[in-house]
Amino acid sequence: MPTDPIGFVERFYAIGLGFLGMVGVLFMIIGGYYIMTSSGNPERLATGKSFIFYALAGIMLAVLGFVFIQIVTGEILRIPGFG
């Protein structure tokens, strides 16, 4: 485990992104299961689609947040250790 704050934040964020990715993939699988087993039920089909949509949106927001932090800390503020 890193002792410096920058290393700690990088490691913590990497673990968090990995966890969010796993949860997002899990919810996409659940959404696909809902769609496959809907048997023409429009409510179940809409539920599956919303699971997939929100899982993808969550993953994209997490990745874009990471990119935003890297750009702000490394390129704009030029904080040592980032970028």
PDB file of N, CA and C in Angstrom:
ATOM      1  N   MET A   1       0.841  -1.176   0.000  1.00  0.00           N
ATOM      2  CA  MET A   1       0.000   0.000   0.000  1.00  0.00           C
ATOM      3  C   MET A   1       0.889   1.243   0.000  1.00  0.00           C
ATOM      4  N   PRO A   2       0.649   2.160  -0.929  1.00  0.00           N
ATOM      5  CA  PRO A   2       1.475   3.371  -0.979  1.00  0.00           C
ATOM      6  C   PRO A   2       1.245   4.261   0.234  1.00  0.00           C
ATOM      7  N   THR A   3       2.312   4.931   0.643  1.00  0.00           N
ATOM      8  CA  THR A   3       2.221   5.822   1.803  1.00  0.00           C
ATOM      9  C   THR A   3       2.035   7.278   1.397  1.00  0.00           C
ATOM     10  N   ASP A   4       2.359   7.634   0.169  1.00  0.00           N
ATOM     11  CA  ASP A   4       2.183   9.020  -0.268  1.00  0.00           C
ATOM     12  C   ASP A   4       0.730   9.237  -0.711  1.00  0.00           C
ATOM     13  N   PRO A   5       0.205  10.447  -0.567  1.00  0.00           N
ATOM     14  CA  PRO A   5      -1.210  10.709  -0.884  1.00  0.00           C
ATOM     15  C   PRO A   5      -1.556  10.471  -2.352  1.00  0.00           C
ATOM     16  N   ILE A   6      -0.659  10.819  -3.253  1.00  0.00           N
ATOM     17  CA  ILE A   6      -0.942  10.665  -4.674  1.00  0.00           C
ATOM     18  C   ILE A   6      -1.049   9.188  -5.037  1.00  0.00           C
ATOM     19  N   GLY A   7      -0.134   8.379  -4.549  1.00  0.00           N
ATOM     20  CA  GLY A   7      -0.191   6.939  -4.805  1.00  0.00           C
ATOM     21  C   GLY A   7      -1.434   6.305  -4.214  1.00  0.00           C
ATOM     22  N   PHE A   8      -1.823   6.781  -3.017  1.00  0.00           N
ATOM     23  CA  PHE A   8      -3.021   6.258  -2.374  1.00  0.00           C
ATOM     24  C   PHE A   8      -4.264   6.575  -3.201  1.00  0.00           C
ATOM     25  N   VAL A   9      -4.380   7.814  -3.675  1.00  0.00           N
ATOM     26  CA  VAL A   9      -5.537   8.215  -4.471  1.00  0.00           C
ATOM     27  C   VAL A   9      -5.585   7.423  -5.780  1.00  0.00           C
ATOM     28  N   GLU A  10      -4.449   7.267  -6.440  1.00  0.00           N
ATOM     29  CA  GLU A  10      -4.417   6.504  -7.689  1.00  0.00           C
ATOM     30  C   GLU A  10      -4.847   5.062  -7.456  1.00  0.00           C
ATOM     31  N   ARG A  11      -4.342   4.452  -6.397  1.00  0.00           N
ATOM     32  CA  ARG A  11      -4.697   3.053  -6.108  1.00  0.00           C
ATOM     33  C   ARG A  11      -6.177   2.933  -5.727  1.00  0.00           C
ATOM     34  N   PHE A  12      -6.657   3.850  -4.893  1.00  0.00           N
ATOM     35  CA  PHE A  12      -8.055   3.844  -4.478  1.00  0.00           C
ATOM     36  C   PHE A  12      -8.975   4.014  -5.679  1.00  0.00           C
ATOM     37  N   TYR A  13      -8.641   4.932  -6.572  1.00  0.00           N
ATOM     38  CA  TYR A  13      -9.474   5.181  -7.751  1.00  0.00           C
ATOM     39  C   TYR A  13      -9.444   3.984  -8.689  1.00  0.00           C
ATOM     40  N   ALA A  14      -8.293   3.342  -8.827  1.00  0.00           N
ATOM     41  CA  ALA A  14      -8.211   2.155  -9.684  1.00  0.00           C
ATOM     42  C   ALA A  14      -9.076   1.026  -9.135  1.00  0.00           C
ATOM     43  N   ILE A  15      -9.055   0.839  -7.835  1.00  0.00           N
ATOM     44  CA  ILE A  15      -9.895  -0.194  -7.224  1.00  0.00           C
ATOM     45  C   ILE A  15     -11.369   0.163  -7.415  1.00  0.00           C
ATOM     46  N   GLY A  16     -11.706   1.421  -7.227  1.00  0.00           N
ATOM     47  CA  GLY A  16     -13.082   1.867  -7.409  1.00  0.00           C
ATOM     48  C   GLY A  16     -13.575   1.691  -8.832  1.00  0.00           C
ATOM     49  N   LEU A  17     -12.733   2.028  -9.817  1.00  0.00           N
ATOM     50  CA  LEU A  17     -13.121   1.842 -11.212  1.00  0.00           C
ATOM     51  C   LEU A  17     -13.304   0.369 -11.546  1.00  0.00           C
ATOM     52  N   GLY A  18     -12.443  -0.471 -11.011  1.00  0.00           N
ATOM     53  CA  GLY A  18     -12.595  -1.908 -11.233  1.00  0.00           C
ATOM     54  C   GLY A  18     -13.900  -2.434 -10.651  1.00  0.00           C
ATOM     55  N   PHE A  19     -14.224  -1.983  -9.438  1.00  0.00           N
ATOM     56  CA  PHE A  19     -15.477  -2.399  -8.806  1.00  0.00           C
ATOM     57  C   PHE A  19     -16.682  -1.907  -9.608  1.00  0.00           C
ATOM     58  N   LEU A  20     -16.658  -0.638 -10.043  1.00  0.00           N
ATOM     59  CA  LEU A  20     -17.768  -0.106 -10.831  1.00  0.00           C
ATOM     60  C   LEU A  20     -17.909  -0.829 -12.161  1.00  0.00           C
ATOM     61  N   GLY A  21     -16.790  -1.194 -12.755  1.00  0.00           N
ATOM     62  CA  GLY A  21     -16.842  -1.952 -14.005  1.00  0.00           C
ATOM     63  C   GLY A  21     -17.486  -3.313 -13.808  1.00  0.00           C
ATOM     64  N   MET A  22     -17.124  -3.992 -12.720  1.00  0.00           N
ATOM     65  CA  MET A  22     -17.714  -5.310 -12.450  1.00  0.00           C
ATOM     66  C   MET A  22     -19.216  -5.197 -12.191  1.00  0.00           C
ATOM     67  N   VAL A  23     -19.618  -4.212 -11.412  1.00  0.00           N
ATOM     68  CA  VAL A  23     -21.039  -4.021 -11.123  1.00  0.00           C
ATOM     69  C   VAL A  23     -21.793  -3.656 -12.405  1.00  0.00           C
ATOM     70  N   GLY A  24     -21.198  -2.808 -13.233  1.00  0.00           N
ATOM     71  CA  GLY A  24     -21.821  -2.434 -14.496  1.00  0.00           C
ATOM     72  C   GLY A  24     -22.018  -3.618 -15.415  1.00  0.00           C
ATOM     73  N   VAL A  25     -21.006  -4.462 -15.533  1.00  0.00           N
ATOM     74  CA  VAL A  25     -21.129  -5.662 -16.371  1.00  0.00           C
ATOM     75  C   VAL A  25     -22.189  -6.605 -15.799  1.00  0.00           C
ATOM     76  N   LEU A  26     -22.226  -6.746 -14.482  1.00  0.00           N
ATOM     77  CA  LEU A  26     -23.233  -7.593 -13.847  1.00  0.00           C
ATOM     78  C   LEU A  26     -24.650  -7.099 -14.176  1.00  0.00           C
ATOM     79  N   PHE A  27     -24.871  -5.790 -14.093  1.00  0.00           N
ATOM     80  CA  PHE A  27     -26.194  -5.261 -14.396  1.00  0.00           C
ATOM     81  C   PHE A  27     -26.520  -5.343 -15.883  1.00  0.00           C
ATOM     82  N   MET A  28     -25.523  -5.282 -16.755  1.00  0.00           N
ATOM     83  CA  MET A  28     -25.784  -5.503 -18.174  1.00  0.00           C
ATOM     84  C   MET A  28     -26.205  -6.948 -18.427  1.00  0.00           C
ATOM     85  N   ILE A  29     -25.590  -7.883 -17.732  1.00  0.00           N
ATOM     86  CA  ILE A  29     -25.973  -9.290 -17.855  1.00  0.00           C
ATOM     87  C   ILE A  29     -27.395  -9.493 -17.337  1.00  0.00           C
ATOM     88  N   ILE A  30     -27.717  -8.883 -16.212  1.00  0.00           N
ATOM     89  CA  ILE A  30     -29.070  -8.994 -15.664  1.00  0.00           C
ATOM     90  C   ILE A  30     -30.087  -8.387 -16.640  1.00  0.00           C
ATOM     91  N   GLY A  31     -29.756  -7.243 -17.212  1.00  0.00           N
ATOM     92  CA  GLY A  31     -30.643  -6.619 -18.195  1.00  0.00           C
ATOM     93  C   GLY A  31     -30.835  -7.493 -19.418  1.00  0.00           C
ATOM     94  N   GLY A  32     -29.766  -8.119 -19.882  1.00  0.00           N
ATOM     95  CA  GLY A  32     -29.890  -9.039 -21.008  1.00  0.00           C
ATOM     96  C   GLY A  32     -30.762 -10.231 -20.671  1.00  0.00           C
ATOM     97  N   TYR A  33     -30.647 -10.717 -19.441  1.00  0.00           N
ATOM     98  CA  TYR A  33     -31.485 -11.830 -19.001  1.00  0.00           C
ATOM     99  C   TYR A  33     -32.954 -11.410 -18.979  1.00  0.00           C
ATOM    100  N   TYR A  34     -33.237 -10.206 -18.486  1.00  0.00           N
ATOM    101  CA  TYR A  34     -34.609  -9.708 -18.479  1.00  0.00           C
ATOM    102  C   TYR A  34     -35.157  -9.617 -19.899  1.00  0.00           C
ATOM    103  N   ILE A  35     -34.350  -9.143 -20.825  1.00  0.00           N
ATOM    104  CA  ILE A  35     -34.801  -9.012 -22.217  1.00  0.00           C
ATOM    105  C   ILE A  35     -35.038 -10.387 -22.830  1.00  0.00           C
ATOM    106  N   MET A  36     -34.133 -11.316 -22.599  1.00  0.00           N
ATOM    107  CA  MET A  36     -34.288 -12.657 -23.202  1.00  0.00           C
ATOM    108  C   MET A  36     -35.486 -13.405 -22.637  1.00  0.00           C
ATOM    109  N   THR A  37     -35.807 -13.172 -21.384  1.00  0.00           N
ATOM    110  CA  THR A  37     -36.915 -13.907 -20.765  1.00  0.00           C
ATOM    111  C   THR A  37     -38.199 -13.093 -20.715  1.00  0.00           C
ATOM    112  N   SER A  38     -38.285 -11.995 -21.453  1.00  0.00           N
ATOM    113  CA  SER A  38     -39.468 -11.144 -21.397  1.00  0.00           C
ATOM    114  C   SER A  38     -40.680 -11.794 -22.053  1.00  0.00           C
ATOM    115  N   SER A  39     -40.497 -12.658 -23.009  1.00  0.00           N
ATOM    116  CA  SER A  39     -41.594 -13.347 -23.713  1.00  0.00           C
ATOM    117  C   SER A  39     -42.653 -12.367 -24.218  1.00  0.00           C
ATOM    118  N   GLY A  40     -42.216 -11.237 -24.699  1.00  0.00           N
ATOM    119  CA  GLY A  40     -43.129 -10.251 -25.253  1.00  0.00           C
ATOM    120  C   GLY A  40     -43.754  -9.323 -24.230  1.00  0.00           C
ATOM    121  N   ASN A  41     -43.408  -9.474 -22.964  1.00  0.00           N
ATOM    122  CA  ASN A  41     -43.945  -8.605 -21.916  1.00  0.00           C
ATOM    123  C   ASN A  41     -43.243  -7.245 -22.008  1.00  0.00           C
ATOM    124  N   PRO A  42     -43.976  -6.182 -22.375  1.00  0.00           N
ATOM    125  CA  PRO A  42     -43.320  -4.873 -22.580  1.00  0.00           C
ATOM    126  C   PRO A  42     -42.718  -4.287 -21.303  1.00  0.00           C
ATOM    127  N   GLU A  43     -43.305  -4.563 -20.150  1.00  0.00           N
ATOM    128  CA  GLU A  43     -42.743  -4.048 -18.904  1.00  0.00           C
ATOM    129  C   GLU A  43     -41.389  -4.677 -18.606  1.00  0.00           C
ATOM    130  N   ARG A  44     -41.310  -5.977 -18.781  1.00  0.00           N
ATOM    131  CA  ARG A  44     -40.051  -6.688 -18.520  1.00  0.00           C
ATOM    132  C   ARG A  44     -38.982  -6.278 -19.535  1.00  0.00           C
ATOM    133  N   LEU A  45     -39.391  -6.084 -20.782  1.00  0.00           N
ATOM    134  CA  LEU A  45     -38.467  -5.632 -21.822  1.00  0.00           C
ATOM    135  C   LEU A  45     -37.927  -4.241 -21.494  1.00  0.00           C
ATOM    136  N   ALA A  46     -38.805  -3.342 -21.055  1.00  0.00           N
ATOM    137  CA  ALA A  46     -38.369  -1.991 -20.687  1.00  0.00           C
ATOM    138  C   ALA A  46     -37.443  -2.027 -19.478  1.00  0.00           C
ATOM    139  N   THR A  47     -37.719  -2.923 -18.533  1.00  0.00           N
ATOM    140  CA  THR A  47     -36.847  -3.052 -17.365  1.00  0.00           C
ATOM    141  C   THR A  47     -35.454  -3.500 -17.782  1.00  0.00           C
ATOM    142  N   GLY A  48     -35.371  -4.481 -18.671  1.00  0.00           N
ATOM    143  CA  GLY A  48     -34.072  -4.954 -19.157  1.00  0.00           C
ATOM    144  C   GLY A  48     -33.298  -3.869 -19.878  1.00  0.00           C
ATOM    145  N   LYS A  49     -34.006  -3.121 -20.714  1.00  0.00           N
ATOM    146  CA  LYS A  49     -33.354  -2.028 -21.436  1.00  0.00           C
ATOM    147  C   LYS A  49     -32.835  -0.960 -20.478  1.00  0.00           C
ATOM    148  N   SER A  50     -33.626  -0.653 -19.439  1.00  0.00           N
ATOM    149  CA  SER A  50     -33.174   0.371 -18.499  1.00  0.00           C
ATOM    150  C   SER A  50     -31.971  -0.113 -17.693  1.00  0.00           C
ATOM    151  N   PHE A  51     -31.933  -1.400 -17.336  1.00  0.00           N
ATOM    152  CA  PHE A  51     -30.760  -1.947 -16.651  1.00  0.00           C
ATOM    153  C   PHE A  51     -29.511  -1.737 -17.504  1.00  0.00           C
ATOM    154  N   ILE A  52     -29.593  -2.070 -18.777  1.00  0.00           N
ATOM    155  CA  ILE A  52     -28.439  -1.951 -19.665  1.00  0.00           C
ATOM    156  C   ILE A  52     -28.055  -0.490 -19.863  1.00  0.00           C
ATOM    157  N   PHE A  53     -29.047   0.369 -20.105  1.00  0.00           N
ATOM    158  CA  PHE A  53     -28.762   1.786 -20.336  1.00  0.00           C
ATOM    159  C   PHE A  53     -28.071   2.416 -19.132  1.00  0.00           C
ATOM    160  N   TYR A  54     -28.622   2.188 -17.943  1.00  0.00           N
ATOM    161  CA  TYR A  54     -28.054   2.834 -16.753  1.00  0.00           C
ATOM    162  C   TYR A  54     -26.706   2.233 -16.365  1.00  0.00           C
ATOM    163  N   ALA A  55     -26.489   0.959 -16.661  1.00  0.00           N
ATOM    164  CA  ALA A  55     -25.177   0.362 -16.411  1.00  0.00           C
ATOM    165  C   ALA A  55     -24.131   1.008 -17.314  1.00  0.00           C
ATOM    166  N   LEU A  56     -24.461   1.164 -18.590  1.00  0.00           N
ATOM    167  CA  LEU A  56     -23.526   1.819 -19.513  1.00  0.00           C
ATOM    168  C   LEU A  56     -23.294   3.281 -19.123  1.00  0.00           C
ATOM    169  N   ALA A  57     -24.354   3.983 -18.728  1.00  0.00           N
ATOM    170  CA  ALA A  57     -24.210   5.381 -18.318  1.00  0.00           C
ATOM    171  C   ALA A  57     -23.315   5.495 -17.085  1.00  0.00           C
ATOM    172  N   GLY A  58     -23.475   4.601 -16.130  1.00  0.00           N
ATOM    173  CA  GLY A  58     -22.649   4.625 -14.927  1.00  0.00           C
ATOM    174  C   GLY A  58     -21.185   4.370 -15.227  1.00  0.00           C
ATOM    175  N   ILE A  59     -20.922   3.395 -16.089  1.00  0.00           N
ATOM    176  CA  ILE A  59     -19.536   3.093 -16.460  1.00  0.00           C
ATOM    177  C   ILE A  59     -18.913   4.293 -17.178  1.00  0.00           C
ATOM    178  N   MET A  60     -19.675   4.893 -18.097  1.00  0.00           N
ATOM    179  CA  MET A  60     -19.148   6.052 -18.825  1.00  0.00           C
ATOM    180  C   MET A  60     -18.878   7.226 -17.891  1.00  0.00           C
ATOM    181  N   LEU A  61     -19.770   7.479 -16.944  1.00  0.00           N
ATOM    182  CA  LEU A  61     -19.546   8.579 -15.996  1.00  0.00           C
ATOM    183  C   LEU A  61     -18.313   8.327 -15.130  1.00  0.00           C
ATOM    184  N   ALA A  62     -18.109   7.090 -14.717  1.00  0.00           N
ATOM    185  CA  ALA A  62     -16.939   6.779 -13.893  1.00  0.00           C
ATOM    186  C   ALA A  62     -15.652   6.994 -14.688  1.00  0.00           C
ATOM    187  N   VAL A  63     -15.625   6.533 -15.932  1.00  0.00           N
ATOM    188  CA  VAL A  63     -14.426   6.693 -16.762  1.00  0.00           C
ATOM    189  C   VAL A  63     -14.197   8.162 -17.101  1.00  0.00           C
ATOM    190  N   LEU A  64     -15.267   8.878 -17.445  1.00  0.00           N
ATOM    191  CA  LEU A  64     -15.113  10.302 -17.757  1.00  0.00           C
ATOM    192  C   LEU A  64     -14.686  11.098 -16.531  1.00  0.00           C
ATOM    193  N   GLY A  65     -15.129  10.688 -15.348  1.00  0.00           N
ATOM    194  CA  GLY A  65     -14.668  11.337 -14.117  1.00  0.00           C
ATOM    195  C   GLY A  65     -13.182  11.153 -13.921  1.00  0.00           C
ATOM    196  N   PHE A  66     -12.691   9.939 -14.197  1.00  0.00           N
ATOM    197  CA  PHE A  66     -11.258   9.667 -14.098  1.00  0.00           C
ATOM    198  C   PHE A  66     -10.476  10.517 -15.099  1.00  0.00           C
ATOM    199  N   VAL A  67     -10.972  10.580 -16.326  1.00  0.00           N
ATOM    200  CA  VAL A  67     -10.308  11.390 -17.353  1.00  0.00           C
ATOM    201  C   VAL A  67     -10.314  12.867 -16.953  1.00  0.00           C
ATOM    202  N   PHE A  68     -11.428  13.347 -16.432  1.00  0.00           N
ATOM    203  CA  PHE A  68     -11.536  14.737 -15.988  1.00  0.00           C
ATOM    204  C   PHE A  68     -10.517  15.039 -14.893  1.00  0.00           C
ATOM    205  N   ILE A  69     -10.416  14.152 -13.918  1.00  0.00           N
ATOM    206  CA  ILE A  69      -9.449  14.351 -12.834  1.00  0.00           C
ATOM    207  C   ILE A  69      -8.024  14.378 -13.385  1.00  0.00           C
ATOM    208  N   GLN A  70      -7.704  13.476 -14.312  1.00  0.00           N
ATOM    209  CA  GLN A  70      -6.367  13.440 -14.889  1.00  0.00           C
ATOM    210  C   GLN A  70      -6.058  14.718 -15.658  1.00  0.00           C
ATOM    211  N   ILE A  71      -7.026  15.230 -16.404  1.00  0.00           N
ATOM    212  CA  ILE A  71      -6.803  16.451 -17.179  1.00  0.00           C
ATOM    213  C   ILE A  71      -6.647  17.654 -16.249  1.00  0.00           C
ATOM    214  N   VAL A  72      -7.528  17.765 -15.268  1.00  0.00           N
ATOM    215  CA  VAL A  72      -7.466  18.926 -14.371  1.00  0.00           C
ATOM    216  C   VAL A  72      -6.195  18.902 -13.538  1.00  0.00           C
ATOM    217  N   THR A  73      -5.859  17.751 -12.939  1.00  0.00           N
ATOM    218  CA  THR A  73      -4.695  17.706 -12.050  1.00  0.00           C
ATOM    219  C   THR A  73      -3.373  17.688 -12.812  1.00  0.00           C
ATOM    220  N   GLY A  74      -3.344  17.033 -13.956  1.00  0.00           N
ATOM    221  CA  GLY A  74      -2.080  16.899 -14.679  1.00  0.00           C
ATOM    222  C   GLY A  74      -1.803  18.002 -15.674  1.00  0.00           C
ATOM    223  N   GLU A  75      -2.819  18.391 -16.425  1.00  0.00           N
ATOM    224  CA  GLU A  75      -2.604  19.350 -17.508  1.00  0.00           C
ATOM    225  C   GLU A  75      -2.881  20.795 -17.098  1.00  0.00           C
ATOM    226  N   ILE A  76      -3.921  21.011 -16.334  1.00  0.00           N
ATOM    227  CA  ILE A  76      -4.301  22.387 -16.005  1.00  0.00           C
ATOM    228  C   ILE A  76      -3.596  22.871 -14.745  1.00  0.00           C
ATOM    229  N   LEU A  77      -3.735  22.126 -13.638  1.00  0.00           N
ATOM    230  CA  LEU A  77      -3.138  22.559 -12.372  1.00  0.00           C
ATOM    231  C   LEU A  77      -1.673  22.138 -12.234  1.00  0.00           C
ATOM    232  N   ARG A  78      -1.257  21.177 -13.029  1.00  0.00           N
ATOM    233  CA  ARG A  78       0.118  20.654 -13.020  1.00  0.00           C
ATOM    234  C   ARG A  78       0.570  20.246 -11.613  1.00  0.00           C
ATOM    235  N   ILE A  79      -0.262  19.464 -10.962  1.00  0.00           N
ATOM    236  CA  ILE A  79       0.065  18.956  -9.639  1.00  0.00           C
ATOM    237  C   ILE A  79       1.136  17.875  -9.797  1.00  0.00           C
ATOM    238  N   PRO A  80       2.235  17.944  -9.056  1.00  0.00           N
ATOM    239  CA  PRO A  80       3.300  16.937  -9.191  1.00  0.00           C
ATOM    240  C   PRO A  80       2.787  15.539  -8.852  1.00  0.00           C
ATOM    241  N   GLY A  81       3.156  14.586  -9.703  1.00  0.00           N
ATOM    242  CA  GLY A  81       2.775  13.205  -9.475  1.00  0.00           C
ATOM    243  C   GLY A  81       1.590  12.761 -10.327  1.00  0.00           C
ATOM    244  N   PHE A  82       0.825  13.688 -10.861  1.00  0.00           N
ATOM    245  CA  PHE A  82      -0.282  13.361 -11.746  1.00  0.00           C
ATOM    246  C   PHE A  82       0.135  13.646 -13.172  1.00  0.00           C
ATOM    247  N   GLY A  83      -0.466  12.892 -14.102  1.00  0.00           N
ATOM    248  CA  GLY A  83      -0.242  13.154 -15.511  1.00  0.00           C
ATOM    249  C   GLY A  83       0.949  12.549 -16.083  1.00  0.00           C
TER     250      GLY A  83
END
